[in-house]
Amino acid sequence: MDLFIATAHAQDAAGQEGNPWFSLIFMGLIIVLFYFLLIRPQTKRQKEHRQMVDALKEGDEVVTQGGILGRIEKVDEQFVTLDVGGGQKLHVQRHAVGALVPKGTFEEK
């Protein structure tokens, strides 16, 4: 019978709650951590990509997000015409350009 009484006392002690301020501070720290580790770097990358897309000009060598390498021949408001070699031209949306590559990377054969 003593075994059951000890169990009842242990359950009663576990039911007490801690300080509610600790929970609020902990949640605030988690939000700040997420901001600095996830949200802020992503917005910086988006801003850099937007600036790169706005600065595109004819003659730039680029790689699209799909991995196509080419030289820009024409820049419109929404689209870019890429020379991908062999007389082939592709029209892609401006935001589909993934990165600028150094001059001389694209060599037409």
Protein backbone atom coordinates (compact mmCIF):
# COMPACT_ATOMS: atom_id res chain seq x y z
CA MET A 1 0.00 0.00 0.00
CA ASP A 2 2.90 2.42 0.64
CA LEU A 3 3.96 2.02 -2.95
CA PHE A 4 0.74 3.67 -4.22
CA ILE A 5 0.99 6.64 -1.86
CA ALA A 6 4.52 7.52 -3.06
CA THR A 7 3.29 7.51 -6.67
CA ALA A 8 0.47 9.89 -5.83
CA HIS A 9 2.88 12.36 -4.21
CA ALA A 10 5.19 12.25 -7.24
CA GLN A 11 2.35 13.10 -9.63
CA ASP A 12 1.26 16.05 -7.51
CA ALA A 13 4.75 17.57 -7.52
CA ALA A 14 5.05 17.38 -11.33
CA GLY A 15 1.88 19.40 -11.85
CA GLN A 16 3.36 22.71 -10.63
CA GLU A 17 4.12 25.32 -13.29
CA GLY A 18 7.24 27.47 -13.55
CA ASN A 19 7.63 31.19 -13.98
CA PRO A 20 5.58 32.46 -16.99
CA TRP A 21 8.19 35.19 -17.71
CA PHE A 22 10.76 32.50 -18.46
CA SER A 23 8.49 31.07 -21.17
CA LEU A 24 7.94 34.50 -22.75
CA ILE A 25 11.66 35.32 -22.75
CA PHE A 26 12.47 31.90 -24.21
CA MET A 27 9.95 32.36 -27.05
CA GLY A 28 11.35 35.84 -27.75
CA LEU A 29 14.88 34.44 -27.99
CA ILE A 30 13.70 31.73 -30.40
CA ILE A 31 12.07 34.37 -32.65
CA VAL A 32 15.22 36.52 -32.64
CA LEU A 33 17.34 33.46 -33.43
CA PHE A 34 15.13 32.53 -36.38
CA TYR A 35 15.30 36.10 -37.68
CA PHE A 36 19.10 36.26 -37.65
CA LEU A 37 19.70 32.72 -38.90
CA LEU A 38 16.94 32.32 -41.51
CA ILE A 39 14.99 35.42 -42.46
CA ARG A 40 17.72 38.07 -42.64
CA PRO A 41 20.17 36.09 -44.84
CA GLN A 42 17.36 35.14 -47.23
CA THR A 43 16.25 38.75 -47.67
CA LYS A 44 19.88 39.79 -48.31
CA ARG A 45 20.20 37.13 -51.05
CA GLN A 46 16.93 38.28 -52.63
CA LYS A 47 18.10 41.90 -52.62
CA GLU A 48 21.47 40.99 -54.21
CA HIS A 49 19.72 38.91 -56.91
CA ARG A 50 17.28 41.74 -57.66
CA GLN A 51 20.18 44.20 -58.04
CA MET A 52 22.05 41.79 -60.32
CA VAL A 53 18.97 41.27 -62.52
CA ASP A 54 18.36 45.02 -62.75
CA ALA A 55 21.98 45.60 -63.84
CA LEU A 56 21.95 43.06 -66.72
CA LYS A 57 23.20 44.44 -70.03
CA GLU A 58 24.05 43.19 -73.49
CA GLY A 59 27.30 41.23 -73.67
CA ASP A 60 27.11 39.89 -70.11
CA GLU A 61 27.74 36.17 -69.76
CA VAL A 62 25.25 34.48 -67.47
CA VAL A 63 24.02 31.15 -66.17
CA THR A 64 20.28 30.64 -65.80
CA GLN A 65 18.75 28.94 -62.80
CA GLY A 66 18.29 25.91 -65.04
CA GLY A 67 22.03 25.76 -65.72
CA ILE A 68 22.11 27.16 -69.27
CA LEU A 69 25.23 29.18 -70.06
CA GLY A 70 24.95 32.00 -72.59
CA ARG A 71 25.74 35.55 -73.61
CA ILE A 72 23.05 38.22 -73.42
CA GLU A 73 22.16 39.64 -76.82
CA LYS A 74 19.05 41.64 -75.99
CA VAL A 75 17.53 42.89 -72.75
CA ASP A 76 13.84 43.76 -72.53
CA GLU A 77 11.76 44.81 -69.58
CA GLN A 78 10.66 41.23 -68.80
CA PHE A 79 12.82 38.98 -70.99
CA VAL A 80 16.45 38.41 -71.96
CA THR A 81 17.63 36.89 -75.23
CA LEU A 82 20.58 34.54 -74.74
CA ASP A 83 22.98 33.30 -77.41
CA VAL A 84 23.73 29.75 -76.28
CA GLY A 85 26.01 28.83 -79.18
CA GLY A 86 25.53 27.22 -82.58
CA GLY A 87 23.25 30.03 -83.68
CA GLN A 88 20.69 29.08 -81.04
CA LYS A 89 18.88 31.84 -79.19
CA LEU A 90 16.76 31.46 -76.07
CA HIS A 91 14.29 33.89 -74.57
CA VAL A 92 14.18 33.62 -70.78
CA GLN A 93 12.61 35.76 -68.10
CA ARG A 94 14.99 38.16 -66.41
CA HIS A 95 14.49 36.70 -62.96
CA ALA A 96 15.47 33.25 -64.32
CA VAL A 97 19.07 34.45 -64.66
CA GLY A 98 20.91 32.82 -61.76
CA ALA A 99 24.35 34.42 -61.85
CA LEU A 100 26.83 36.43 -63.86
CA VAL A 101 29.96 34.53 -64.88
CA PRO A 102 33.37 36.03 -65.67
CA LYS A 103 33.97 37.24 -69.22
CA GLY A 104 35.44 34.51 -71.43
CA THR A 105 33.61 31.67 -69.69
CA PHE A 106 31.23 31.29 -72.64
CA GLU A 107 33.15 30.32 -75.76
CA GLU A 108 31.08 29.67 -78.86
CA LYS A 109 32.39 26.74 -80.89
